[in-house]
N, C-alpha and C. Protein backbone atom coordinates (compact mmCIF):
# COMPACT_ATOMS: atom_id res chain seq x y z
N MET A 1 18.86 -17.93 16.50
CA MET A 1 17.46 -18.21 16.30
C MET A 1 17.33 -19.30 15.24
N ASP A 2 16.40 -20.16 15.44
CA ASP A 2 16.13 -21.24 14.50
C ASP A 2 15.78 -20.65 13.14
N GLN A 3 16.34 -21.23 12.08
CA GLN A 3 16.12 -20.69 10.73
C GLN A 3 14.65 -20.79 10.32
N ALA A 4 13.97 -21.84 10.71
CA ALA A 4 12.55 -21.98 10.38
C ALA A 4 11.73 -20.89 11.05
N LEU A 5 12.04 -20.62 12.32
CA LEU A 5 11.33 -19.57 13.05
C LEU A 5 11.61 -18.21 12.42
N ALA A 6 12.84 -17.97 12.01
CA ALA A 6 13.19 -16.71 11.36
C ALA A 6 12.40 -16.54 10.06
N GLY A 7 12.24 -17.63 9.33
CA GLY A 7 11.45 -17.58 8.10
C GLY A 7 9.99 -17.26 8.36
N VAL A 8 9.45 -17.85 9.41
CA VAL A 8 8.05 -17.58 9.77
C VAL A 8 7.88 -16.13 10.19
N LEU A 9 8.81 -15.63 11.00
CA LEU A 9 8.72 -14.24 11.44
C LEU A 9 8.83 -13.27 10.26
N LYS A 10 9.68 -13.59 9.30
CA LYS A 10 9.81 -12.74 8.12
C LYS A 10 8.51 -12.76 7.31
N ALA A 11 7.90 -13.93 7.17
CA ALA A 11 6.64 -14.04 6.43
C ALA A 11 5.52 -13.27 7.13
N VAL A 12 5.47 -13.36 8.44
CA VAL A 12 4.45 -12.62 9.21
C VAL A 12 4.68 -11.11 9.06
N SER A 13 5.90 -10.68 9.09
CA SER A 13 6.23 -9.26 8.92
C SER A 13 5.82 -8.77 7.54
N THR A 14 6.10 -9.56 6.52
CA THR A 14 5.72 -9.20 5.15
C THR A 14 4.21 -9.13 5.02
N ALA A 15 3.51 -10.10 5.58
CA ALA A 15 2.04 -10.10 5.52
C ALA A 15 1.48 -8.90 6.26
N SER A 16 2.06 -8.56 7.38
CA SER A 16 1.60 -7.41 8.16
C SER A 16 1.75 -6.11 7.37
N ARG A 17 2.91 -5.93 6.73
CA ARG A 17 3.13 -4.74 5.91
C ARG A 17 2.15 -4.68 4.75
N THR A 18 1.92 -5.83 4.12
CA THR A 18 1.00 -5.89 2.98
C THR A 18 -0.42 -5.53 3.41
N LEU A 19 -0.86 -6.06 4.54
CA LEU A 19 -2.20 -5.76 5.03
C LEU A 19 -2.34 -4.29 5.41
N ALA A 20 -1.31 -3.72 6.00
CA ALA A 20 -1.35 -2.30 6.36
C ALA A 20 -1.46 -1.44 5.10
N LEU A 21 -0.73 -1.81 4.05
CA LEU A 21 -0.79 -1.08 2.80
C LEU A 21 -2.18 -1.21 2.16
N GLN A 22 -2.72 -2.42 2.17
CA GLN A 22 -4.05 -2.64 1.61
C GLN A 22 -5.11 -1.86 2.37
N ASN A 23 -4.98 -1.82 3.68
CA ASN A 23 -5.92 -1.08 4.50
C ASN A 23 -5.87 0.42 4.17
N ALA A 24 -4.67 0.96 4.05
CA ALA A 24 -4.52 2.37 3.71
C ALA A 24 -5.09 2.65 2.32
N MET A 25 -4.85 1.77 1.38
CA MET A 25 -5.36 1.95 0.02
C MET A 25 -6.88 1.91 0.02
N SER A 26 -7.46 1.02 0.79
CA SER A 26 -8.91 0.92 0.88
C SER A 26 -9.51 2.21 1.43
N MET A 27 -8.90 2.75 2.47
CA MET A 27 -9.40 3.99 3.06
C MET A 27 -9.29 5.13 2.04
N ALA A 28 -8.20 5.16 1.30
CA ALA A 28 -8.02 6.21 0.29
C ALA A 28 -9.03 6.06 -0.84
N CYS A 29 -9.25 4.83 -1.29
CA CYS A 29 -10.20 4.60 -2.39
C CYS A 29 -11.62 4.97 -1.99
N HIS A 30 -11.95 4.79 -0.74
CA HIS A 30 -13.29 5.12 -0.26
C HIS A 30 -13.40 6.58 0.19
N GLY A 31 -12.31 7.32 0.10
CA GLY A 31 -12.33 8.73 0.48
C GLY A 31 -12.52 8.97 1.96
N ASP A 32 -12.18 7.96 2.76
CA ASP A 32 -12.36 8.06 4.21
C ASP A 32 -11.10 8.67 4.82
N ARG A 33 -11.02 9.98 4.78
CA ARG A 33 -9.81 10.67 5.23
C ARG A 33 -9.53 10.48 6.72
N GLN A 34 -10.57 10.43 7.51
CA GLN A 34 -10.38 10.28 8.96
C GLN A 34 -9.75 8.92 9.28
N ARG A 35 -10.31 7.85 8.71
CA ARG A 35 -9.76 6.51 8.96
C ARG A 35 -8.40 6.34 8.29
N LEU A 36 -8.20 6.99 7.13
CA LEU A 36 -6.90 6.93 6.46
C LEU A 36 -5.84 7.57 7.35
N ALA A 37 -6.16 8.72 7.92
CA ALA A 37 -5.20 9.40 8.80
C ALA A 37 -4.84 8.53 9.99
N ALA A 38 -5.85 7.89 10.59
CA ALA A 38 -5.58 7.00 11.73
C ALA A 38 -4.73 5.82 11.31
N CYS A 39 -5.01 5.28 10.14
CA CYS A 39 -4.23 4.14 9.63
C CYS A 39 -2.77 4.55 9.41
N LEU A 40 -2.56 5.70 8.81
CA LEU A 40 -1.20 6.16 8.54
C LEU A 40 -0.46 6.50 9.84
N GLU A 41 -1.16 7.07 10.81
CA GLU A 41 -0.53 7.40 12.08
C GLU A 41 -0.05 6.16 12.83
N ALA A 42 -0.68 5.03 12.57
CA ALA A 42 -0.30 3.79 13.25
C ALA A 42 0.91 3.11 12.59
N MET A 43 1.32 3.61 11.43
CA MET A 43 2.43 2.99 10.70
C MET A 43 3.78 3.49 11.17
N THR A 44 4.76 2.65 10.96
CA THR A 44 6.15 3.04 11.25
C THR A 44 6.64 3.93 10.11
N PRO A 45 7.73 4.67 10.33
CA PRO A 45 8.30 5.47 9.24
C PRO A 45 8.64 4.62 8.00
N ALA A 46 9.14 3.42 8.21
CA ALA A 46 9.47 2.55 7.07
C ALA A 46 8.22 2.17 6.29
N GLN A 47 7.13 1.91 7.00
CA GLN A 47 5.88 1.58 6.32
C GLN A 47 5.36 2.79 5.54
N LEU A 48 5.49 3.98 6.11
CA LEU A 48 5.05 5.18 5.42
C LEU A 48 5.84 5.41 4.14
N VAL A 49 7.12 5.10 4.17
CA VAL A 49 7.95 5.21 2.97
C VAL A 49 7.44 4.24 1.91
N GLU A 50 7.11 3.01 2.31
CA GLU A 50 6.58 2.02 1.37
C GLU A 50 5.24 2.48 0.79
N VAL A 51 4.38 3.01 1.63
CA VAL A 51 3.07 3.49 1.18
C VAL A 51 3.25 4.62 0.17
N ALA A 52 4.12 5.57 0.48
CA ALA A 52 4.35 6.70 -0.42
C ALA A 52 4.90 6.23 -1.77
N ALA A 53 5.84 5.29 -1.74
CA ALA A 53 6.41 4.77 -2.99
C ALA A 53 5.34 4.03 -3.80
N ALA A 54 4.54 3.23 -3.13
CA ALA A 54 3.48 2.50 -3.83
C ALA A 54 2.45 3.46 -4.42
N ALA A 55 2.12 4.51 -3.69
CA ALA A 55 1.16 5.49 -4.19
C ALA A 55 1.69 6.21 -5.42
N ARG A 56 2.96 6.56 -5.41
CA ARG A 56 3.56 7.22 -6.59
C ARG A 56 3.53 6.29 -7.79
N LEU A 57 3.88 5.03 -7.59
CA LEU A 57 3.89 4.06 -8.68
C LEU A 57 2.48 3.85 -9.22
N LEU A 58 1.52 3.70 -8.33
CA LEU A 58 0.13 3.51 -8.74
C LEU A 58 -0.37 4.72 -9.51
N SER A 59 -0.07 5.89 -9.05
CA SER A 59 -0.50 7.12 -9.72
C SER A 59 0.09 7.20 -11.13
N ALA A 60 1.37 6.93 -11.25
CA ALA A 60 2.03 6.99 -12.56
C ALA A 60 1.46 5.94 -13.50
N ALA A 61 1.21 4.73 -13.00
CA ALA A 61 0.67 3.67 -13.84
C ALA A 61 -0.76 3.99 -14.27
N ALA A 62 -1.55 4.56 -13.37
CA ALA A 62 -2.92 4.93 -13.72
C ALA A 62 -2.92 6.05 -14.76
N ASP A 63 -2.05 7.04 -14.59
CA ASP A 63 -1.94 8.12 -15.58
C ASP A 63 -1.56 7.56 -16.95
N GLN A 64 -0.62 6.62 -16.95
CA GLN A 64 -0.18 6.01 -18.21
C GLN A 64 -1.32 5.22 -18.85
N ALA A 65 -2.07 4.49 -18.04
CA ALA A 65 -3.20 3.72 -18.57
C ALA A 65 -4.28 4.65 -19.13
N LEU A 66 -4.49 5.79 -18.50
CA LEU A 66 -5.47 6.75 -18.99
C LEU A 66 -5.06 7.37 -20.32
N ASP A 67 -3.77 7.42 -20.58
CA ASP A 67 -3.27 7.99 -21.82
C ASP A 67 -3.43 7.05 -23.01
N LYS A 68 -3.70 5.77 -22.76
CA LYS A 68 -3.88 4.80 -23.84
C LYS A 68 -5.24 5.02 -24.49
N PRO A 69 -5.32 4.90 -25.80
CA PRO A 69 -6.61 5.14 -26.50
C PRO A 69 -7.76 4.28 -25.99
N ALA A 70 -7.53 3.02 -25.64
CA ALA A 70 -8.60 2.15 -25.19
C ALA A 70 -9.20 2.65 -23.89
N ALA A 71 -8.41 3.23 -23.04
CA ALA A 71 -8.91 3.72 -21.75
C ALA A 71 -9.80 4.93 -21.93
N ARG A 72 -9.54 5.73 -22.95
CA ARG A 72 -10.33 6.94 -23.16
C ARG A 72 -11.72 6.65 -23.68
N THR A 73 -11.94 5.50 -24.30
CA THR A 73 -13.25 5.19 -24.87
C THR A 73 -14.16 4.50 -23.87
N GLN A 74 -13.66 4.15 -22.71
CA GLN A 74 -14.50 3.42 -21.75
C GLN A 74 -15.12 4.35 -20.76
């Protein structure tokens, strides 16, 4: 396969994964459980692993930010 085409396909794949993650995050932030479930059901197992890892990281970072004194006063 042409190296340029391989690069384009990799970029499209990365963008697709990113958009799927953003879509799932949006559904979660809006509390739309029905659409979140549909979004997650459409993902591959690898995408679900990425979503779960990102959610754990986001949760830990948010908890850490909440523990900072400046966050408690806002």
